[in-house]
Amino acid sequence: MYFTHRKEYFPFVGPFDPCPPMYRKIYVTAPNLYVGYQPPDLPQFSPAEALKNGTLWPIFYDPYYGMHSEVGQC
């Protein structure tokens, strides 16, 4: 299963826009969008890691890098 958490698109930039143009916009999608149902026997974090990461299953872990971070972008 291959997916990326961050997607990008290129909005239309009009000649009369009142604001400075943004040529590329990035948005984040949740990992659970790509899992139709929870498969049996998924690997699990240890209890301490699960509390730290906010989920028991690694496939549902979604780190937040910040708005201006280049880590994990498309």
C-alpha atoms as a PDB file:
ATOM      1  CA  MET A   1       0.000   0.000   0.000  1.00  0.00           C
ATOM      2  CA  TYR A   2       1.563   3.296  -1.111  1.00  0.00           C
ATOM      3  CA  PHE A   3       0.247   6.735  -0.291  1.00  0.00           C
ATOM      4  CA  THR A   4       1.513  10.135   0.741  1.00  0.00           C
ATOM      5  CA  HIS A   5       0.112  12.201   3.581  1.00  0.00           C
ATOM      6  CA  ARG A   6       0.831  15.488   1.846  1.00  0.00           C
ATOM      7  CA  LYS A   7      -0.687  16.448  -1.477  1.00  0.00           C
ATOM      8  CA  GLU A   8      -0.210  19.591  -3.525  1.00  0.00           C
ATOM      9  CA  TYR A   9      -2.102  21.524  -6.134  1.00  0.00           C
ATOM     10  CA  PHE A  10      -1.461  24.607  -8.224  1.00  0.00           C
ATOM     11  CA  PRO A  11      -4.297  27.156  -8.027  1.00  0.00           C
ATOM     12  CA  PHE A  12      -5.193  29.585 -10.774  1.00  0.00           C
ATOM     13  CA  VAL A  13      -3.393  32.914 -10.437  1.00  0.00           C
ATOM     14  CA  GLY A  14      -5.395  35.725 -12.015  1.00  0.00           C
ATOM     15  CA  PRO A  15      -3.874  38.971 -13.283  1.00  0.00           C
ATOM     16  CA  PHE A  16      -6.129  41.083 -11.036  1.00  0.00           C
ATOM     17  CA  ASP A  17      -5.805  39.166  -7.746  1.00  0.00           C
ATOM     18  CA  PRO A  18      -5.521  41.628  -4.839  1.00  0.00           C
ATOM     19  CA  CYS A  19      -3.152  39.394  -2.815  1.00  0.00           C
ATOM     20  CA  PRO A  20       0.310  38.093  -3.660  1.00  0.00           C
ATOM     21  CA  PRO A  21      -0.002  34.868  -5.661  1.00  0.00           C
ATOM     22  CA  MET A  22       0.447  31.442  -4.117  1.00  0.00           C
ATOM     23  CA  TYR A  23       1.734  29.182  -6.858  1.00  0.00           C
ATOM     24  CA  ARG A  24       1.640  25.940  -4.867  1.00  0.00           C
ATOM     25  CA  LYS A  25      -0.655  24.888  -2.019  1.00  0.00           C
ATOM     26  CA  ILE A  26      -0.065  21.830   0.159  1.00  0.00           C
ATOM     27  CA  TYR A  27      -2.645  19.988   2.219  1.00  0.00           C
ATOM     28  CA  VAL A  28      -2.530  16.929   4.472  1.00  0.00           C
ATOM     29  CA  THR A  29      -4.733  13.845   4.184  1.00  0.00           C
ATOM     30  CA  ALA A  30      -5.455  11.495   7.058  1.00  0.00           C
ATOM     31  CA  PRO A  31      -3.923   7.987   6.900  1.00  0.00           C
ATOM     32  CA  ASN A  32      -7.261   6.291   7.609  1.00  0.00           C
ATOM     33  CA  LEU A  33      -8.522   7.456   4.177  1.00  0.00           C
ATOM     34  CA  TYR A  34      -6.394   4.766   2.551  1.00  0.00           C
ATOM     35  CA  VAL A  35      -7.493   1.808   4.690  1.00  0.00           C
ATOM     36  CA  GLY A  36     -10.945   0.522   3.751  1.00  0.00           C
ATOM     37  CA  TYR A  37     -11.210  -1.712   6.796  1.00  0.00           C
ATOM     38  CA  GLN A  38      -8.781  -2.602   9.524  1.00  0.00           C
ATOM     39  CA  PRO A  39      -6.911  -5.745   8.451  1.00  0.00           C
ATOM     40  CA  PRO A  40      -6.298  -8.450  11.056  1.00  0.00           C
ATOM     41  CA  ASP A  41      -2.882  -8.874  12.707  1.00  0.00           C
ATOM     42  CA  LEU A  42      -1.658  -5.312  12.213  1.00  0.00           C
ATOM     43  CA  PRO A  43       1.656  -4.506  13.900  1.00  0.00           C
ATOM     44  CA  GLN A  44       1.261  -2.468  17.089  1.00  0.00           C
ATOM     45  CA  PHE A  45       3.292   0.084  19.000  1.00  0.00           C
ATOM     46  CA  SER A  46       4.296  -0.681  22.560  1.00  0.00           C
ATOM     47  CA  PRO A  47       1.949   0.930  25.125  1.00  0.00           C
ATOM     48  CA  ALA A  48       4.417   3.762  25.834  1.00  0.00           C
ATOM     49  CA  GLU A  49       4.963   4.475  22.146  1.00  0.00           C
ATOM     50  CA  ALA A  50       1.205   4.323  21.506  1.00  0.00           C
ATOM     51  CA  LEU A  51       0.588   6.991  24.140  1.00  0.00           C
ATOM     52  CA  LYS A  52       3.342   9.149  22.672  1.00  0.00           C
ATOM     53  CA  ASN A  53       2.136   8.752  19.065  1.00  0.00           C
ATOM     54  CA  GLY A  54      -1.594   8.880  19.787  1.00  0.00           C
ATOM     55  CA  THR A  55      -2.411   5.559  18.099  1.00  0.00           C
ATOM     56  CA  LEU A  56      -1.808   1.890  18.676  1.00  0.00           C
ATOM     57  CA  TRP A  57      -1.172   1.033  15.011  1.00  0.00           C
ATOM     58  CA  PRO A  58       1.775   2.446  13.012  1.00  0.00           C
ATOM     59  CA  ILE A  59      -0.226   2.667   9.757  1.00  0.00           C
ATOM     60  CA  PHE A  60      -2.511   5.248  11.405  1.00  0.00           C
ATOM     61  CA  TYR A  61       0.346   7.362  12.770  1.00  0.00           C
ATOM     62  CA  ASP A  62       0.487  10.792  11.132  1.00  0.00           C
ATOM     63  CA  PRO A  63       3.348  13.033  12.299  1.00  0.00           C
ATOM     64  CA  TYR A  64       2.925  16.797  12.137  1.00  0.00           C
ATOM     65  CA  TYR A  65       5.944  18.566  10.688  1.00  0.00           C
ATOM     66  CA  GLY A  66       4.681  22.137  10.725  1.00  0.00           C
ATOM     67  CA  MET A  67       3.349  24.386   8.044  1.00  0.00           C
ATOM     68  CA  HIS A  68       6.680  25.584   6.639  1.00  0.00           C
ATOM     69  CA  SER A  69       8.652  22.385   7.045  1.00  0.00           C
ATOM     70  CA  GLU A  70      10.077  20.695   3.955  1.00  0.00           C
ATOM     71  CA  VAL A  71      10.142  17.304   5.711  1.00  0.00           C
ATOM     72  CA  GLY A  72       7.576  14.923   4.278  1.00  0.00           C
ATOM     73  CA  GLN A  73       6.306  17.205   1.533  1.00  0.00           C
ATOM     74  CA  CYS A  74       5.466  15.999  -1.965  1.00  0.00           C
END
